Amino acid sequence: MLKSIRNSILILFIFLLSFGTVFVKASETNDSSKIFFVATHNYDYIYKLLDLVNEERAKVGANPLVMDEDLLNAALQRSAEISLYGNHIRPDGSMCNTVSDKLFGENIAKGQITPERVMKSWMGSPGHRSNILNKDFTTIGIGHIIVSGKTSWVQCFGIEEPKEVVRRSDTIEKYYTIEILNKYIIDIRFVNKAPIELKVGGKGDKGLWYDMGIGYLIIDGKNAKWSSSNTNIATVDQTGMVTGVSCGETTINATIGDKTASIRVIVSYDDVNEDDWYYNSVIYCATNKIIYGTSNTTFSPNKNLTRGNLVTLLWRMEGSPKISGEQKFSDVKQDAYYYEAIKWAEKNKVVNGYDDGKFRPNNNITREQLATILKNYADYNKKDTSKRADLNKFIDNKGISSYAKDGVSWAVATKVMSGKENGTRVDPSGNASRAEAAAMIANYCNYIGK
């Protein structure tokens, strides 16, 4: 008899798009993940829904259902489960009737705020209505749950003698741990795609969305598995808190089950801010180990760059090659940090030096010198350097040295160099700051290529 009744029960469901706040922790197995969260149960709503059910049953001459303690507990458990995975299949892959031997029918719903609304939804659905009015049912358990302000409902129907429970009207919080198969996890993603931007030594995090197919859950990151693609730039702990280590850009990854979400992390110096015109260039050069800071926390963007500094940067971009033989400049000492770089640059015609046989490595480099050396560097790398710009558009074009006109024209034409003061001045003899050098080198890499 019980078997025939069980086989005849219609188990249907209705759901609305929902969201929730949960904490997700990777399971010890490779096939599932454990989700633990705090939920709210409103017993006043639970018993109001029981009254509404019995009002409808009275209209068709069915006996009132009695709240059964075991079915009530099963319904509360199922409400927690469907708040994460809205299906009659449980998150662990088993059928809903495995939650209790007393369960012979189930209605589920998501999104309706009040007992009246969910009852109206169920009574408007033939299958749900059939369960509610089924005269073979004698007992019921009702689950109402709120997870991060979003509501789920469950009705569990039974046919056995009730284990009665005292009616109550309070609201409680309860902790749940739900195991969910990874195949039911569609995706995870960060709340938005904007990168996490930090200063060196600064900390920050980013919320996660957990896509369950019927809506998104806001994931507390502290129980995902976290990793950094470059711990020299930023680290991340297992709560999802990111710490900036050094200037540059890296990627932070959050993994739940077999799904991974990634987000960019940009770490900047204390004296380099997001609204600075050179911000992206400094980050690029730091990430690619082209230009380092003057300390771990400062870049000194307005400090002038020397000729020895520039050649060292280009040499570093080439992988710091060792060149045999001697270099020709009389003022470049063998124990200087730039010795190998200048030897490489001189041998490969990246630099020429002055007519008196000196290089003057400690002199500030001018903008026209920087443009000229970058063009020579492009020639060394066999890049196309045929483009030229009309320099007459700059009001100070007559100040460009004759040897530098070719390099400046090429640099302007290829967007390696841009003018100052709304593009009206090229400032050829002005000293190139570290910020300007970072910008021109970043432009070179982006427009010309390494």
Protein backbone atom coordinates (compact mmCIF):
# COMPACT_ATOMS: atom_id res chain seq x y z
CA MET A 1 0.00 0.00 0.00
CA LEU A 2 2.70 2.46 1.00
CA LYS A 3 4.71 1.59 -2.10
CA SER A 4 1.75 2.19 -4.40
CA ILE A 5 1.06 5.51 -2.73
CA ARG A 6 4.70 6.53 -2.96
CA ASN A 7 4.79 5.74 -6.67
CA SER A 8 1.64 7.80 -7.25
CA ILE A 9 2.90 10.97 -5.57
CA LEU A 10 3.66 13.88 -7.86
CA ILE A 11 6.87 15.59 -6.88
CA LEU A 12 7.03 18.94 -8.61
CA PHE A 13 8.78 22.22 -7.94
CA ILE A 14 8.61 25.91 -8.73
CA PHE A 15 11.39 28.41 -8.27
CA LEU A 16 12.22 32.07 -8.81
CA LEU A 17 15.70 33.50 -9.43
CA SER A 18 17.46 33.84 -6.10
CA PHE A 19 20.63 35.04 -4.48
CA GLY A 20 22.26 34.11 -1.17
CA THR A 21 25.32 34.66 0.95
CA VAL A 22 27.23 31.46 1.69
CA PHE A 23 30.64 30.28 2.75
CA VAL A 24 32.17 27.66 0.48
CA LYS A 25 34.84 25.22 1.49
CA ALA A 26 36.45 22.64 -0.74
CA SER A 27 35.57 19.06 0.10
CA GLU A 28 38.21 16.48 0.77
CA THR A 29 37.06 14.63 -2.35
CA ASN A 30 37.63 15.69 -5.95
CA ASP A 31 33.95 15.28 -6.87
CA SER A 32 32.21 17.61 -4.45
CA SER A 33 32.55 20.75 -2.37
CA LYS A 34 31.16 21.50 1.06
CA ILE A 35 29.09 24.63 1.56
CA PHE A 36 28.54 25.90 5.05
CA PHE A 37 26.40 28.90 5.87
CA VAL A 38 24.18 30.58 8.43
CA ALA A 39 20.46 30.64 7.68
CA THR A 40 17.33 32.04 9.33
CA HIS A 41 14.15 30.01 9.95
CA ASN A 42 10.86 31.80 10.70
CA TYR A 43 8.54 29.45 12.59
CA ASP A 44 5.73 31.98 12.54
CA TYR A 45 5.76 31.76 8.73
CA ILE A 46 6.05 27.98 8.86
CA TYR A 47 2.89 27.59 10.93
CA LYS A 48 1.02 30.27 8.99
CA LEU A 49 1.68 28.21 5.89
CA LEU A 50 0.37 25.12 7.69
CA ASP A 51 -2.86 26.99 8.47
CA LEU A 52 -3.21 28.02 4.81
CA VAL A 53 -2.68 24.41 3.68
CA ASN A 54 -5.39 23.15 6.00
CA GLU A 55 -7.79 25.88 4.94
CA GLU A 56 -7.47 24.68 1.36
CA ARG A 57 -7.83 21.03 2.37
CA ALA A 58 -11.00 21.82 4.32
CA LYS A 59 -12.55 23.22 1.14
CA VAL A 60 -12.28 19.80 -0.56
CA GLY A 61 -13.15 17.75 2.52
CA ALA A 62 -9.60 16.56 3.26
CA ASN A 63 -8.46 16.08 6.84
CA PRO A 64 -6.03 18.65 8.22
CA LEU A 65 -2.35 17.79 8.07
CA VAL A 66 -0.42 17.52 11.33
CA MET A 67 3.10 18.90 11.67
CA ASP A 68 5.42 15.93 12.15
CA GLU A 69 8.72 16.50 13.98
CA ASP A 70 10.75 14.29 11.67
CA LEU A 71 9.24 15.79 8.52
CA LEU A 72 9.72 19.30 9.95
CA ASN A 73 13.43 18.61 10.42
CA ALA A 74 13.62 17.08 6.96
CA ALA A 75 11.89 20.14 5.44
CA LEU A 76 14.28 22.52 7.20
CA GLN A 77 17.22 20.53 5.85
CA ARG A 78 15.76 20.48 2.36
CA SER A 79 15.08 24.24 2.48
CA ALA A 80 18.78 24.74 3.16
CA GLU A 81 19.66 22.45 0.27
CA ILE A 82 17.35 24.04 -2.29
CA SER A 83 18.55 27.51 -1.34
CA LEU A 84 21.78 26.36 -3.02
CA TYR A 85 20.46 23.93 -5.62
CA GLY A 86 16.79 24.24 -6.50
CA ASN A 87 15.96 20.71 -7.49
CA HIS A 88 14.26 17.59 -6.13
CA ILE A 89 17.63 15.93 -6.61
CA ARG A 90 19.66 16.79 -3.54
CA PRO A 91 22.99 18.60 -3.95
CA ASP A 92 24.88 15.38 -3.19
CA GLY A 93 23.13 13.65 -6.12
CA SER A 94 20.59 11.59 -4.14
CA MET A 95 16.82 11.94 -4.49
CA CYS A 96 14.89 14.15 -2.10
CA ASN A 97 13.16 11.22 -0.36
CA THR A 98 16.49 10.11 1.10
CA VAL A 99 16.23 12.95 3.59
CA SER A 100 13.59 11.00 5.56
CA ASP A 101 11.87 7.62 5.34
CA LYS A 102 8.63 9.47 6.09
CA LEU A 103 8.81 11.62 2.95
CA PHE A 104 6.22 10.66 0.31
CA GLY A 105 5.84 13.95 -1.54
CA GLU A 106 7.63 17.27 -1.85
CA ASN A 107 6.85 20.80 -3.02
CA ILE A 108 9.62 23.38 -3.31
CA ALA A 109 9.67 27.06 -4.16
CA LYS A 110 12.14 29.91 -4.21
CA GLY A 111 11.74 33.67 -4.00
CA GLN A 112 8.24 34.16 -2.55
CA ILE A 113 8.54 36.28 0.57
CA THR A 114 5.36 35.47 2.50
CA PRO A 115 3.33 32.30 3.21
CA GLU A 116 0.42 33.78 1.25
CA ARG A 117 2.53 34.32 -1.86
CA VAL A 118 4.11 30.88 -1.90
CA MET A 119 0.70 29.28 -1.25
CA LYS A 120 -0.77 31.18 -4.19
CA SER A 121 2.08 29.96 -6.41
CA TRP A 122 1.62 26.35 -5.38
CA MET A 123 -2.16 26.39 -5.68
CA GLY A 124 -1.80 27.78 -9.19
CA SER A 125 0.27 24.75 -10.22
CA PRO A 126 -1.63 21.48 -10.78
CA GLY A 127 1.13 19.25 -9.42
CA HIS A 128 1.75 21.26 -6.30
CA ARG A 129 -1.97 21.68 -5.71
CA SER A 130 -2.37 17.91 -6.02
CA ASN A 131 0.17 17.33 -3.26
CA ILE A 132 -1.44 19.92 -0.97
CA LEU A 133 -4.94 18.48 -1.41
CA ASN A 134 -3.98 14.79 -1.53
CA LYS A 135 -6.31 12.98 0.91
CA ASP A 136 -3.80 10.16 1.42
CA PHE A 137 -1.41 12.52 3.17
CA THR A 138 -1.80 12.89 6.92
CA THR A 139 1.38 14.66 8.01
CA ILE A 140 3.56 17.49 6.82
CA GLY A 141 6.87 19.21 7.51
CA ILE A 142 7.39 22.76 6.32
CA GLY A 143 10.70 24.46 5.73
CA HIS A 144 11.14 28.21 5.45
CA ILE A 145 14.66 29.61 5.12
CA ILE A 146 16.26 32.98 4.47
CA VAL A 147 19.80 33.04 3.15
CA SER A 148 21.17 36.55 2.68
CA GLY A 149 17.67 37.99 2.47
CA LYS A 150 16.39 35.48 -0.09
CA THR A 151 13.67 32.98 0.71
CA SER A 152 13.14 29.29 -0.05
CA TRP A 153 10.24 27.02 0.92
CA VAL A 154 9.69 23.27 1.19
CA GLN A 155 6.70 21.08 2.00
CA CYS A 156 7.39 17.45 2.89
CA PHE A 157 4.28 15.24 2.95
CA GLY A 158 3.82 11.94 4.80
CA ILE A 159 1.23 9.23 5.45
CA GLU A 160 2.30 7.74 8.76
CA GLU A 161 1.22 8.44 12.33
CA PRO A 162 2.53 11.88 13.31
CA LYS A 163 5.26 12.58 15.79
CA GLU A 164 3.72 15.81 16.92
CA VAL A 165 5.71 18.90 17.72
CA VAL A 166 4.76 21.96 19.78
CA ARG A 167 3.76 24.95 17.71
CA ARG A 168 6.14 27.88 17.92
CA SER A 169 6.43 31.38 16.46
CA ASP A 170 10.05 32.39 16.98
CA THR A 171 12.85 33.05 14.50
CA ILE A 172 16.16 31.22 14.80
CA GLU A 173 19.54 31.12 13.11
CA LYS A 174 21.09 27.80 12.23
CA TYR A 175 24.39 26.67 10.73
CA TYR A 176 24.31 24.24 7.81
CA THR A 177 26.92 22.26 5.95
CA ILE A 178 25.78 21.07 2.53
CA GLU A 179 27.83 18.85 0.25
CA ILE A 180 27.29 19.59 -3.42
CA LEU A 181 28.59 17.71 -6.43
CA ASN A 182 31.04 19.79 -8.44
CA LYS A 183 29.11 18.97 -11.61
CA TYR A 184 26.23 21.05 -10.24
CA ILE A 185 28.50 24.06 -9.90
CA ILE A 186 28.15 25.92 -13.18
CA ASP A 187 30.67 28.66 -12.59
CA ILE A 188 32.18 31.07 -10.12
CA ARG A 189 33.20 34.64 -10.83
CA PHE A 190 34.18 37.78 -9.07
CA VAL A 191 31.47 40.30 -8.24
CA ASN A 192 32.92 42.66 -10.86
CA LYS A 193 35.81 42.61 -13.27
CA ALA A 194 37.57 45.69 -11.94
CA PRO A 195 41.05 44.77 -10.74
CA ILE A 196 42.07 44.87 -7.11
CA GLU A 197 44.30 47.92 -6.82
CA LEU A 198 46.69 48.18 -3.89
CA LYS A 199 49.73 50.03 -2.69
CA VAL A 200 52.85 48.09 -1.72
CA GLY A 201 52.02 46.61 1.68
CA GLY A 202 48.32 47.35 1.24
CA LYS A 203 45.55 44.78 1.64
CA GLY A 204 42.25 44.22 -0.15
CA ASP A 205 39.83 41.57 -1.35
CA LYS A 206 37.03 41.04 -3.84
CA GLY A 207 33.70 39.24 -3.43
CA LEU A 208 32.82 36.15 -5.44
CA TRP A 209 29.64 35.11 -7.22
CA TYR A 210 28.70 31.44 -7.08
CA ASP A 211 26.57 30.51 -10.11
CA MET A 212 24.09 27.77 -9.29
CA GLY A 213 22.13 28.03 -12.53
CA ILE A 214 19.05 29.48 -10.86
CA GLY A 215 20.81 32.57 -9.62
CA TYR A 216 23.97 33.80 -8.04
CA LEU A 217 25.11 33.34 -4.48
CA ILE A 218 27.52 35.79 -2.92
CA ILE A 219 30.46 33.71 -1.78
CA ASP A 220 32.51 34.62 1.24
CA GLY A 221 36.00 34.04 -0.07
CA LYS A 222 37.57 32.77 3.10
CA ASN A 223 36.90 29.13 2.29
CA ALA A 224 37.79 28.95 -1.40
CA LYS A 225 41.24 27.76 -2.42
CA TRP A 226 43.34 30.81 -3.34
CA SER A 227 46.58 31.27 -5.23
CA SER A 228 48.66 34.06 -6.77
CA SER A 229 50.32 33.73 -10.17
CA ASN A 230 53.22 35.87 -8.94
CA THR A 231 53.84 36.02 -5.21
CA ASN A 232 56.64 38.52 -5.76
CA ILE A 233 53.96 41.08 -6.67
CA ALA A 234 51.03 40.01 -4.49
CA THR A 235 50.17 37.21 -2.10
CA VAL A 236 46.75 35.94 -1.07
CA ASP A 237 45.79 34.06 2.08
CA GLN A 238 43.09 31.44 2.35
CA THR A 239 40.51 34.02 3.36
CA GLY A 240 40.94 35.73 -0.01
CA MET A 241 42.79 38.71 1.46
CA VAL A 242 45.39 40.03 -0.99
CA THR A 243 48.58 41.81 0.10
CA GLY A 244 50.66 43.94 -2.25
CA VAL A 245 54.32 42.93 -2.14
CA SER A 246 55.93 44.96 -4.92
CA CYS A 247 54.82 47.14 -7.82
CA GLY A 248 53.41 45.29 -10.79
CA GLU A 249 50.46 43.33 -12.06
CA THR A 250 49.55 39.73 -11.34
CA THR A 251 46.53 37.43 -11.19
CA ILE A 252 44.77 36.04 -8.14
CA ASN A 253 42.84 32.78 -8.53
CA ALA A 254 39.95 31.41 -6.46
CA THR A 255 39.04 27.75 -6.91
CA ILE A 256 35.91 25.91 -5.78
CA GLY A 257 35.56 22.34 -6.93
CA ASP A 258 36.84 22.28 -10.49
CA LYS A 259 35.87 25.90 -11.24
CA THR A 260 38.34 28.77 -10.99
CA ALA A 261 37.78 32.52 -11.11
CA SER A 262 40.67 34.91 -11.74
CA ILE A 263 41.09 38.62 -11.20
CA ARG A 264 43.87 41.08 -11.92
CA VAL A 265 45.72 42.67 -9.04
CA ILE A 266 47.64 45.89 -9.61
CA VAL A 267 50.12 46.98 -6.98
CA SER A 268 51.51 50.50 -7.23
CA TYR A 269 54.09 52.58 -5.41
CA ASP A 270 53.06 55.06 -2.74
CA ASP A 271 53.90 57.96 -5.08
CA VAL A 272 52.13 56.54 -8.15
CA ASN A 273 48.35 56.92 -8.15
CA GLU A 274 45.63 55.62 -10.42
CA ASP A 275 44.80 59.08 -11.78
CA ASP A 276 48.43 59.88 -12.69
CA TRP A 277 48.99 60.01 -16.44
CA TYR A 278 51.97 57.66 -16.14
CA TYR A 279 50.24 55.11 -13.87
CA ASN A 280 49.77 52.33 -16.45
CA SER A 281 53.26 52.82 -17.85
CA VAL A 282 54.91 52.49 -14.45
CA ILE A 283 52.89 49.35 -13.68
CA TYR A 284 53.84 47.88 -17.06
CA CYS A 285 57.54 48.57 -16.60
CA ALA A 286 57.51 47.18 -13.06
CA THR A 287 55.62 44.03 -14.05
CA ASN A 288 58.07 43.37 -16.88
CA LYS A 289 61.09 44.18 -14.71
CA ILE A 290 62.19 47.03 -16.94
CA ILE A 291 62.24 49.93 -14.47
CA TYR A 292 62.48 49.34 -10.75
CA GLY A 293 61.49 51.72 -8.00
CA THR A 294 63.88 53.95 -6.11
CA SER A 295 62.75 51.91 -3.08
CA ASN A 296 60.25 49.12 -2.54
CA THR A 297 57.49 51.67 -1.93
CA THR A 298 58.53 54.64 -4.11
CA PHE A 299 59.11 55.23 -7.81
CA SER A 300 60.13 58.92 -7.73
CA PRO A 301 58.33 59.70 -11.00
CA ASN A 302 59.60 63.27 -11.23
CA LYS A 303 63.23 62.35 -10.70
CA ASN A 304 65.40 62.67 -13.81
CA LEU A 305 66.71 59.62 -15.62
CA THR A 306 70.39 59.45 -16.46
CA ARG A 307 71.94 58.23 -19.70
CA GLY A 308 73.45 55.30 -17.83
CA ASN A 309 70.02 54.46 -16.37
CA LEU A 310 68.38 54.34 -19.80
CA VAL A 311 70.99 52.13 -21.43
CA THR A 312 70.79 49.76 -18.46
CA LEU A 313 67.01 49.52 -18.90
CA LEU A 314 67.33 48.61 -22.57
CA TRP A 315 70.08 46.12 -21.81
CA ARG A 316 67.83 44.54 -19.20
CA MET A 317 65.04 44.27 -21.80
CA GLU A 318 67.47 42.25 -23.93
CA GLY A 319 68.13 39.82 -21.11
CA SER A 320 71.37 41.43 -19.89
CA PRO A 321 73.66 39.89 -22.53
CA LYS A 322 77.40 39.66 -21.91
CA ILE A 323 79.59 41.19 -24.63
CA SER A 324 83.26 40.35 -25.03
CA GLY A 325 85.93 42.94 -25.55
CA GLU A 326 86.24 46.51 -24.32
CA GLN A 327 83.97 49.52 -24.78
CA LYS A 328 85.34 52.76 -26.20
CA PHE A 329 84.11 55.47 -23.82
CA SER A 330 86.80 56.91 -21.57
CA ASP A 331 84.40 57.87 -18.76
CA VAL A 332 82.71 54.48 -18.37
CA LYS A 333 84.52 52.60 -15.62
CA GLN A 334 84.57 48.83 -15.49
CA ASP A 335 83.23 48.69 -11.94
CA ALA A 336 80.19 50.87 -12.72
CA TYR A 337 76.72 49.26 -12.63
CA TYR A 338 76.11 50.35 -16.23
CA TYR A 339 79.43 49.11 -17.66
CA GLU A 340 78.14 45.91 -19.31
CA ALA A 341 75.00 47.70 -20.53
CA ILE A 342 76.93 50.53 -22.20
CA LYS A 343 79.40 48.07 -23.72
CA TRP A 344 76.48 46.15 -25.23
CA ALA A 345 74.79 49.35 -26.47
CA GLU A 346 77.98 50.75 -28.01
CA LYS A 347 78.89 47.49 -29.77
CA ASN A 348 75.38 47.26 -31.27
CA LYS A 349 75.16 50.94 -32.28
CA VAL A 350 72.33 51.67 -29.89
CA VAL A 351 74.40 54.61 -28.55
CA ASN A 352 77.20 56.68 -30.07
CA GLY A 353 78.34 58.99 -27.30
CA TYR A 354 79.92 62.42 -27.73
CA ASP A 355 82.60 63.64 -30.13
CA ASP A 356 85.16 63.85 -27.31
CA GLY A 357 84.98 60.09 -26.78
CA LYS A 358 82.88 60.26 -23.63
CA PHE A 359 79.41 58.91 -22.89
CA ARG A 360 78.59 61.00 -19.81
CA PRO A 361 76.55 58.20 -18.18
CA ASN A 362 75.62 60.30 -15.15
CA ASN A 363 74.18 63.18 -17.15
CA ASN A 364 70.41 63.50 -17.24
CA ILE A 365 69.06 62.20 -20.50
CA THR A 366 67.04 64.65 -22.61
CA ARG A 367 63.82 63.82 -24.40
CA GLU A 368 65.44 64.06 -27.84
CA GLN A 369 68.29 61.79 -26.73
CA LEU A 370 65.78 59.29 -25.38
CA ALA A 371 63.87 59.30 -28.68
CA THR A 372 67.08 58.86 -30.67
CA ILE A 373 68.34 55.96 -28.57
CA LEU A 374 64.96 54.22 -28.76
CA LYS A 375 65.04 54.48 -32.56
CA ASN A 376 68.53 53.02 -32.59
CA TYR A 377 67.27 50.26 -30.33
CA ALA A 378 64.43 49.58 -32.79
CA ASP A 379 66.97 49.40 -35.65
CA TYR A 380 69.05 46.97 -33.60
CA ASN A 381 65.97 44.76 -33.24
CA LYS A 382 65.24 45.08 -36.97
CA LYS A 383 61.93 46.86 -36.46
CA ASP A 384 60.32 48.98 -39.15
CA THR A 385 61.55 52.52 -38.46
CA SER A 386 60.38 54.14 -41.68
CA LYS A 387 57.53 56.21 -40.25
CA ARG A 388 58.04 59.95 -39.84
CA ALA A 389 55.93 62.76 -38.41
CA ASP A 390 55.72 66.44 -39.35
CA LEU A 391 57.56 68.19 -36.54
CA ASN A 392 56.38 71.65 -37.64
CA LYS A 393 53.27 71.19 -35.51
CA PHE A 394 55.39 71.73 -32.41
CA ILE A 395 56.08 75.37 -31.60
CA ASP A 396 59.56 74.48 -30.31
CA ASN A 397 60.55 72.29 -33.26
CA LYS A 398 63.49 74.54 -34.10
CA GLY A 399 65.07 73.52 -30.81
CA ILE A 400 65.46 69.90 -31.92
CA SER A 401 69.13 69.11 -32.51
CA SER A 402 70.00 68.14 -36.08
CA TYR A 403 71.22 64.67 -35.05
CA ALA A 404 67.92 64.04 -33.17
CA LYS A 405 65.35 65.13 -35.75
CA ASP A 406 65.16 61.69 -37.33
CA GLY A 407 64.67 59.95 -33.99
CA VAL A 408 62.13 62.47 -32.68
CA SER A 409 60.15 62.35 -35.94
CA TRP A 410 60.04 58.54 -35.78
CA ALA A 411 59.10 58.55 -32.08
CA VAL A 412 56.21 60.97 -32.66
CA ALA A 413 54.98 59.10 -35.74
CA THR A 414 54.89 55.77 -33.89
CA LYS A 415 53.30 57.23 -30.71
CA VAL A 416 56.38 56.36 -28.69
CA MET A 417 56.64 60.05 -27.84
CA SER A 418 53.82 62.54 -27.36
CA GLY A 419 53.95 66.28 -27.06
CA LYS A 420 53.55 68.36 -23.95
CA GLU A 421 51.05 71.14 -23.23
CA ASN A 422 48.23 69.64 -25.28
CA GLY A 423 50.64 68.42 -27.93
CA THR A 424 52.03 71.87 -28.78
CA ARG A 425 55.60 71.34 -27.51
CA VAL A 426 58.01 68.44 -27.86
CA ASP A 427 60.49 69.86 -25.32
CA PRO A 428 63.53 68.29 -27.03
CA SER A 429 66.20 69.57 -24.63
CA GLY A 430 64.12 69.01 -21.47
CA ASN A 431 65.32 66.32 -19.11
CA ALA A 432 63.31 63.09 -19.29
CA SER A 433 61.83 62.18 -15.94
CA ARG A 434 61.48 58.60 -14.77
CA ALA A 435 57.76 58.88 -15.48
CA GLU A 436 58.39 60.09 -19.04
CA ALA A 437 60.94 57.34 -19.61
CA ALA A 438 58.48 54.72 -18.33
CA ALA A 439 55.81 56.07 -20.66
CA MET A 440 58.06 56.08 -23.73
CA ILE A 441 59.42 52.61 -23.03
CA ALA A 442 55.92 51.22 -22.39
CA ASN A 443 54.75 52.87 -25.62
CA TYR A 444 57.70 51.35 -27.43
CA CYS A 445 56.83 47.87 -26.18
CA ASN A 446 53.13 48.29 -27.01
CA TYR A 447 53.46 49.97 -30.41
CA ILE A 448 56.79 48.68 -31.69
CA GLY A 449 57.20 45.47 -29.74
CA LYS A 450 60.02 44.20 -27.57
